[in-house]
Amino acid sequence: MRKKSAGSTRRIRRPANRSSHPALDGFDHKILHALVDNARASNVEIAQKVGLSEAPCSRRIRRLESEEVILGYHARLDPEAIGIGFVAFVTLVLDYVTATTAERFYQEIRAIPEIMSCYIVSGGYDALLHVAAKDSHSYSEIVFDRLRRIPGVKDVRSSFVMRTIKEGRALPLVD
């Protein structure tokens, strides 16, 4: 039986080379739906919900984890309850990109805990960041003391979240 503590975040480790996506059958899809609905459900609960016995259900979950279909289990937290009062989306334009500067950029971004997500994108800028900070002063320090000092960063622009209408819980499962 899988057990997780209430506040833990578990990240499945990715192998170095992932060549192809595994084929998923109906039971796999049912298991994924059950986990998206309640990632804290026990194997017994999931097995009952999808119509399998416990052992095959457990093996399938382990296989979905090892094949990186399931990338991790996370607790959703209330930002205000943990002291996050300032959320922004940041666009970055890079002046020049080489293999060395790109790797340095990736390392610097990964080292800033307030950056929740970073995507390399197409269009008028090179990267889109989702940043959560304690307050505007903390956010300002992230921008001026961290982001603007990364070699190759040419322009930083911010859009501040005023109100959240919908926030994704999980990827949509298409059958």
Protein backbone atom coordinates (compact mmCIF):
# COMPACT_ATOMS: atom_id res chain seq x y z
CA MET A 1 0.00 0.00 0.00
CA ARG A 2 1.30 3.46 -0.92
CA LYS A 3 1.59 5.88 1.97
CA LYS A 4 2.44 9.55 1.92
CA SER A 5 2.47 12.12 4.67
CA ALA A 6 -0.08 14.91 4.36
CA GLY A 7 2.39 17.67 3.53
CA SER A 8 4.97 15.75 1.54
CA THR A 9 5.88 16.21 -2.06
CA ARG A 10 7.34 13.21 -3.78
CA ARG A 11 9.09 13.57 -7.10
CA ILE A 12 9.77 10.51 -9.21
CA ARG A 13 13.34 10.49 -10.53
CA ARG A 14 13.64 10.63 -14.32
CA PRO A 15 16.03 8.26 -16.12
CA ALA A 16 18.61 9.91 -18.35
CA ASN A 17 17.15 8.72 -21.67
CA ARG A 18 13.45 8.43 -22.23
CA SER A 19 12.95 7.17 -25.75
CA SER A 20 9.19 6.78 -26.18
CA HIS A 21 5.88 7.05 -24.42
CA PRO A 22 4.41 3.76 -23.18
CA ALA A 23 1.10 2.49 -24.52
CA LEU A 24 -1.69 3.00 -21.99
CA ASP A 25 -4.70 0.72 -21.82
CA GLY A 26 -8.13 1.27 -20.29
CA PHE A 27 -7.05 0.22 -16.79
CA ASP A 28 -4.08 2.61 -16.94
CA HIS A 29 -6.43 5.48 -17.87
CA LYS A 30 -8.80 4.54 -15.04
CA ILE A 31 -5.90 4.48 -12.57
CA LEU A 32 -4.70 7.89 -13.76
CA HIS A 33 -8.22 9.33 -13.42
CA ALA A 34 -8.46 7.89 -9.89
CA LEU A 35 -5.09 9.38 -8.91
CA VAL A 36 -5.96 12.79 -10.38
CA ASP A 37 -9.19 12.72 -8.37
CA ASN A 38 -7.36 11.72 -5.18
CA ALA A 39 -3.60 11.12 -5.22
CA ARG A 40 -3.78 10.11 -1.53
CA ALA A 41 -6.12 7.19 -2.22
CA SER A 42 -4.82 3.84 -1.06
CA ASN A 43 -4.11 1.03 -3.52
CA VAL A 44 -7.19 -0.75 -2.18
CA GLU A 45 -9.38 2.27 -2.96
CA ILE A 46 -7.87 2.69 -6.42
CA ALA A 47 -8.14 -1.02 -7.21
CA GLN A 48 -11.82 -1.04 -6.22
CA LYS A 49 -12.51 2.08 -8.27
CA VAL A 50 -10.87 0.71 -11.44
CA GLY A 51 -12.01 -2.91 -11.13
CA LEU A 52 -8.69 -4.64 -10.44
CA SER A 53 -7.37 -6.57 -7.49
CA GLU A 54 -4.80 -4.89 -5.26
CA ALA A 55 -1.58 -6.53 -6.52
CA PRO A 56 -2.08 -5.87 -10.26
CA CYS A 57 -3.21 -2.32 -9.49
CA SER A 58 -0.10 -1.72 -7.39
CA ARG A 59 2.14 -3.13 -10.15
CA ARG A 60 0.50 -0.86 -12.73
CA ILE A 61 1.00 2.21 -10.54
CA ARG A 62 4.69 1.33 -10.05
CA ARG A 63 5.04 0.79 -13.83
CA LEU A 64 3.34 4.14 -14.57
CA GLU A 65 5.79 5.79 -12.16
CA SER A 66 8.87 4.04 -13.59
CA GLU A 67 7.79 4.85 -17.17
CA GLU A 68 7.32 8.51 -16.12
CA VAL A 69 3.66 8.70 -16.92
CA ILE A 70 3.22 9.64 -13.25
CA LEU A 71 5.89 12.23 -12.48
CA GLY A 72 5.13 12.84 -8.82
CA TYR A 73 2.62 13.49 -6.06
CA HIS A 74 2.15 16.98 -4.71
CA ALA A 75 0.26 18.78 -1.98
CA ARG A 76 -1.63 21.90 -3.13
CA LEU A 77 -1.12 24.70 -0.62
CA ASP A 78 -2.98 27.93 0.07
CA PRO A 79 -0.47 30.68 -0.87
CA GLU A 80 -1.66 33.11 1.80
CA ALA A 81 -1.52 30.45 4.51
CA ILE A 82 2.20 29.91 3.82
CA GLY A 83 3.10 33.58 3.45
CA ILE A 84 2.96 34.00 -0.34
CA GLY A 85 1.35 37.35 -1.05
CA PHE A 86 2.77 38.18 -4.47
CA VAL A 87 2.52 36.12 -7.67
CA ALA A 88 3.75 37.20 -11.09
CA PHE A 89 4.38 35.90 -14.57
CA VAL A 90 7.69 37.09 -15.94
CA THR A 91 8.89 37.16 -19.52
CA LEU A 92 12.60 37.15 -20.26
CA VAL A 93 14.42 38.05 -23.43
CA LEU A 94 17.92 36.63 -23.75
CA ASP A 95 20.61 38.62 -25.53
CA TYR A 96 22.51 35.64 -26.88
CA VAL A 97 22.22 31.92 -26.42
CA THR A 98 25.02 29.40 -26.63
CA ALA A 99 25.16 25.94 -25.12
CA THR A 100 27.17 27.35 -22.21
CA THR A 101 24.91 30.35 -21.54
CA ALA A 102 21.79 28.19 -21.87
CA GLU A 103 23.07 25.69 -19.30
CA ARG A 104 24.08 28.50 -16.93
CA PHE A 105 20.63 30.07 -17.38
CA TYR A 106 18.92 26.73 -16.57
CA GLN A 107 21.07 26.28 -13.44
CA GLU A 108 20.45 29.82 -12.21
CA ILE A 109 16.68 29.52 -12.74
CA ARG A 110 16.54 26.14 -10.96
CA ALA A 111 18.41 27.67 -8.00
CA ILE A 112 15.71 30.28 -7.31
CA PRO A 113 13.06 28.58 -5.14
CA GLU A 114 10.46 31.29 -5.77
CA ILE A 115 10.36 30.37 -9.46
CA MET A 116 7.60 27.80 -9.61
CA SER A 117 7.80 27.14 -13.35
CA CYS A 118 9.99 28.18 -16.26
CA TYR A 119 9.20 27.51 -19.90
CA ILE A 120 11.33 28.21 -22.95
CA VAL A 121 8.84 29.60 -25.46
CA SER A 122 8.48 30.93 -28.98
CA GLY A 123 7.30 34.42 -29.82
CA GLY A 124 8.44 37.84 -28.64
CA TYR A 125 10.39 36.55 -25.64
CA ASP A 126 12.48 33.51 -24.80
CA ALA A 127 11.26 32.35 -21.39
CA LEU A 128 8.10 32.55 -19.31
CA LEU A 129 8.39 32.22 -15.53
CA HIS A 130 5.75 31.76 -12.82
CA VAL A 131 7.06 33.38 -9.64
CA ALA A 132 5.64 33.34 -6.10
CA ALA A 133 7.13 35.66 -3.48
CA LYS A 134 6.38 36.81 0.05
CA ASP A 135 5.68 40.40 -0.99
CA SER A 136 6.59 43.06 -3.57
CA HIS A 137 9.94 43.77 -1.86
CA SER A 138 10.93 40.09 -2.03
CA TYR A 139 9.81 39.96 -5.65
CA SER A 140 11.89 43.05 -6.45
CA GLU A 141 14.97 41.34 -4.95
CA ILE A 142 14.38 38.28 -7.15
CA VAL A 143 14.20 40.45 -10.27
CA PHE A 144 17.06 42.85 -9.56
CA ASP A 145 19.42 40.68 -7.52
CA ARG A 146 18.91 37.35 -9.29
CA LEU A 147 17.21 37.45 -12.71
CA ARG A 148 18.84 40.59 -14.12
CA ARG A 149 22.28 39.31 -13.06
CA ILE A 150 22.07 36.08 -15.05
CA PRO A 151 24.48 36.38 -17.98
CA GLY A 152 22.63 36.87 -21.26
CA VAL A 153 19.37 38.19 -19.78
CA LYS A 154 18.53 41.26 -21.84
CA ASP A 155 14.98 42.16 -20.76
CA VAL A 156 12.69 41.25 -17.86
CA ARG A 157 8.98 42.12 -17.88
CA SER A 158 6.44 41.31 -15.20
CA SER A 159 2.69 40.78 -15.12
CA PHE A 160 1.27 40.61 -11.62
CA VAL A 161 -1.60 38.30 -10.71
CA MET A 162 -4.53 40.37 -9.49
CA ARG A 163 -7.04 37.53 -9.09
CA THR A 164 -7.00 33.82 -9.87
CA ILE A 165 -10.05 32.65 -11.78
CA LYS A 166 -8.94 29.10 -12.50
CA GLU A 167 -5.79 27.27 -11.56
CA GLY A 168 -4.87 23.93 -13.06
CA ARG A 169 -4.87 21.01 -10.70
CA ALA A 170 -3.64 18.45 -13.16
CA LEU A 171 -3.26 17.88 -16.88
CA PRO A 172 -6.53 17.03 -18.59
CA LEU A 173 -6.81 13.32 -19.31
CA VAL A 174 -7.95 12.62 -22.85
CA ASP A 175 -9.13 9.11 -23.57
